[in-house]
Amino acid sequence: MIRRMFYVSLGAFLAFWVMRRLQALHPDHVARRTADGAAGMLRQVRDFTHDALGEAAERETELRARFGLDKAEKRRMTLARRRRAARRTRQHD
């Protein structure tokens, strides 16, 4: 008798568990979980990208200051502007 009660209760538990699993697979639930997961992943990617770009810009600033590249960059920009201005005057002449 106890063995039968055990198997009846085990069967009831398994039926309950299977029904819960099947309800969790309902398309509305799956779509909602997928959308939530995708939104969370997108948020993480945005945070990572923001952090990585910020760190890269900070490191670039440090390296430019350390090696004096800001001065060289300014000189290059000045020379490029002069060249463009010279081309414009040649084209208009």
C-alpha atoms as a PDB file:
ATOM      1  CA  MET A   1       0.000   0.000   0.000  1.00  0.00           C
ATOM      2  CA  ILE A   2       2.800   2.433   0.880  1.00  0.00           C
ATOM      3  CA  ARG A   3       4.565   1.585  -2.339  1.00  0.00           C
ATOM      4  CA  ARG A   4       1.448   2.507  -4.315  1.00  0.00           C
ATOM      5  CA  MET A   5       1.090   5.799  -2.428  1.00  0.00           C
ATOM      6  CA  PHE A   6       4.734   6.567  -3.196  1.00  0.00           C
ATOM      7  CA  TYR A   7       4.269   5.964  -6.923  1.00  0.00           C
ATOM      8  CA  VAL A   8       0.974   7.896  -7.035  1.00  0.00           C
ATOM      9  CA  SER A   9       2.594  10.893  -5.323  1.00  0.00           C
ATOM     10  CA  LEU A  10       5.672  10.577  -7.590  1.00  0.00           C
ATOM     11  CA  GLY A  11       3.393  10.515 -10.642  1.00  0.00           C
ATOM     12  CA  ALA A  12       1.476  13.564  -9.402  1.00  0.00           C
ATOM     13  CA  PHE A  13       4.729  15.437  -8.792  1.00  0.00           C
ATOM     14  CA  LEU A  14       6.095  14.551 -12.236  1.00  0.00           C
ATOM     15  CA  ALA A  15       2.824  15.547 -13.897  1.00  0.00           C
ATOM     16  CA  PHE A  16       2.900  18.886 -12.057  1.00  0.00           C
ATOM     17  CA  TRP A  17       6.572  19.424 -12.995  1.00  0.00           C
ATOM     18  CA  VAL A  18       5.999  18.560 -16.672  1.00  0.00           C
ATOM     19  CA  MET A  19       2.991  20.878 -16.859  1.00  0.00           C
ATOM     20  CA  ARG A  20       5.052  23.754 -15.433  1.00  0.00           C
ATOM     21  CA  ARG A  21       7.809  23.087 -17.961  1.00  0.00           C
ATOM     22  CA  LEU A  22       5.356  23.006 -20.827  1.00  0.00           C
ATOM     23  CA  GLN A  23       3.777  26.271 -19.687  1.00  0.00           C
ATOM     24  CA  ALA A  24       7.241  27.849 -19.538  1.00  0.00           C
ATOM     25  CA  LEU A  25       7.736  26.902 -23.186  1.00  0.00           C
ATOM     26  CA  HIS A  26       4.647  28.826 -24.250  1.00  0.00           C
ATOM     27  CA  PRO A  27       5.604  31.167 -27.129  1.00  0.00           C
ATOM     28  CA  ASP A  28       4.772  34.314 -25.151  1.00  0.00           C
ATOM     29  CA  HIS A  29       7.114  33.300 -22.359  1.00  0.00           C
ATOM     30  CA  VAL A  30       9.901  32.280 -24.712  1.00  0.00           C
ATOM     31  CA  ALA A  31       9.647  35.517 -26.702  1.00  0.00           C
ATOM     32  CA  ARG A  32       9.618  37.624 -23.543  1.00  0.00           C
ATOM     33  CA  ARG A  33      12.651  35.851 -22.109  1.00  0.00           C
ATOM     34  CA  THR A  34      14.499  36.142 -25.417  1.00  0.00           C
ATOM     35  CA  ALA A  35      13.728  39.853 -25.700  1.00  0.00           C
ATOM     36  CA  ASP A  36      14.784  40.462 -22.100  1.00  0.00           C
ATOM     37  CA  GLY A  37      17.999  38.518 -22.643  1.00  0.00           C
ATOM     38  CA  ALA A  38      18.791  40.404 -25.844  1.00  0.00           C
ATOM     39  CA  ALA A  39      18.115  43.761 -24.184  1.00  0.00           C
ATOM     40  CA  GLY A  40      20.374  42.823 -21.283  1.00  0.00           C
ATOM     41  CA  MET A  41      23.143  41.716 -23.618  1.00  0.00           C
ATOM     42  CA  LEU A  42      22.827  44.915 -25.650  1.00  0.00           C
ATOM     43  CA  ARG A  43      23.123  46.933 -22.437  1.00  0.00           C
ATOM     44  CA  GLN A  44      26.284  45.015 -21.497  1.00  0.00           C
ATOM     45  CA  VAL A  45      27.820  45.545 -24.944  1.00  0.00           C
ATOM     46  CA  ARG A  46      27.078  49.276 -24.775  1.00  0.00           C
ATOM     47  CA  ASP A  47      28.629  49.535 -21.311  1.00  0.00           C
ATOM     48  CA  PHE A  48      31.705  47.607 -22.429  1.00  0.00           C
ATOM     49  CA  THR A  49      32.094  49.720 -25.567  1.00  0.00           C
ATOM     50  CA  HIS A  50      31.719  52.937 -23.598  1.00  0.00           C
ATOM     51  CA  ASP A  51      34.331  51.808 -21.068  1.00  0.00           C
ATOM     52  CA  ALA A  52      36.745  50.551 -23.723  1.00  0.00           C
ATOM     53  CA  LEU A  53      36.538  53.728 -25.816  1.00  0.00           C
ATOM     54  CA  GLY A  54      36.967  55.894 -22.729  1.00  0.00           C
ATOM     55  CA  GLU A  55      40.040  53.949 -21.623  1.00  0.00           C
ATOM     56  CA  ALA A  56      41.491  54.031 -25.145  1.00  0.00           C
ATOM     57  CA  ALA A  57      41.032  57.804 -25.385  1.00  0.00           C
ATOM     58  CA  GLU A  58      42.587  58.283 -21.967  1.00  0.00           C
ATOM     59  CA  ARG A  59      45.576  56.108 -22.900  1.00  0.00           C
ATOM     60  CA  GLU A  60      45.990  57.926 -26.207  1.00  0.00           C
ATOM     61  CA  THR A  61      46.045  61.245 -24.376  1.00  0.00           C
ATOM     62  CA  GLU A  62      48.693  59.911 -21.978  1.00  0.00           C
ATOM     63  CA  LEU A  63      50.865  58.643 -24.841  1.00  0.00           C
ATOM     64  CA  ARG A  64      50.520  61.855 -26.831  1.00  0.00           C
ATOM     65  CA  ALA A  65      51.531  63.884 -23.795  1.00  0.00           C
ATOM     66  CA  ARG A  66      54.424  61.534 -22.996  1.00  0.00           C
ATOM     67  CA  PHE A  67      55.906  61.521 -26.496  1.00  0.00           C
ATOM     68  CA  GLY A  68      54.976  65.078 -27.456  1.00  0.00           C
ATOM     69  CA  LEU A  69      52.748  64.001 -30.318  1.00  0.00           C
ATOM     70  CA  ASP A  70      50.282  66.811 -29.741  1.00  0.00           C
ATOM     71  CA  LYS A  71      52.863  69.301 -30.941  1.00  0.00           C
ATOM     72  CA  ALA A  72      53.681  67.215 -34.008  1.00  0.00           C
ATOM     73  CA  GLU A  73      49.983  66.785 -34.764  1.00  0.00           C
ATOM     74  CA  LYS A  74      49.445  70.535 -34.564  1.00  0.00           C
ATOM     75  CA  ARG A  75      52.396  71.077 -36.927  1.00  0.00           C
ATOM     76  CA  ARG A  76      50.979  68.533 -39.388  1.00  0.00           C
ATOM     77  CA  MET A  77      47.585  70.213 -39.248  1.00  0.00           C
ATOM     78  CA  THR A  78      49.169  73.609 -39.859  1.00  0.00           C
ATOM     79  CA  LEU A  79      51.177  72.270 -42.814  1.00  0.00           C
ATOM     80  CA  ALA A  80      48.079  70.580 -44.258  1.00  0.00           C
ATOM     81  CA  ARG A  81      46.123  73.830 -43.978  1.00  0.00           C
ATOM     82  CA  ARG A  82      48.921  75.732 -45.713  1.00  0.00           C
ATOM     83  CA  ARG A  83      49.017  73.154 -48.519  1.00  0.00           C
ATOM     84  CA  ARG A  84      45.253  73.360 -48.986  1.00  0.00           C
ATOM     85  CA  ALA A  85      45.393  77.141 -49.023  1.00  0.00           C
ATOM     86  CA  ALA A  86      48.223  77.041 -51.583  1.00  0.00           C
ATOM     87  CA  ARG A  87      46.218  74.650 -53.793  1.00  0.00           C
ATOM     88  CA  ARG A  88      43.176  76.874 -53.608  1.00  0.00           C
ATOM     89  CA  THR A  89      45.157  79.949 -54.619  1.00  0.00           C
ATOM     90  CA  ARG A  90      46.751  78.001 -57.511  1.00  0.00           C
ATOM     91  CA  GLN A  91      43.343  76.803 -58.680  1.00  0.00           C
ATOM     92  CA  HIS A  92      41.876  80.304 -58.587  1.00  0.00           C
ATOM     93  CA  ASP A  93      44.812  81.844 -60.454  1.00  0.00           C
END
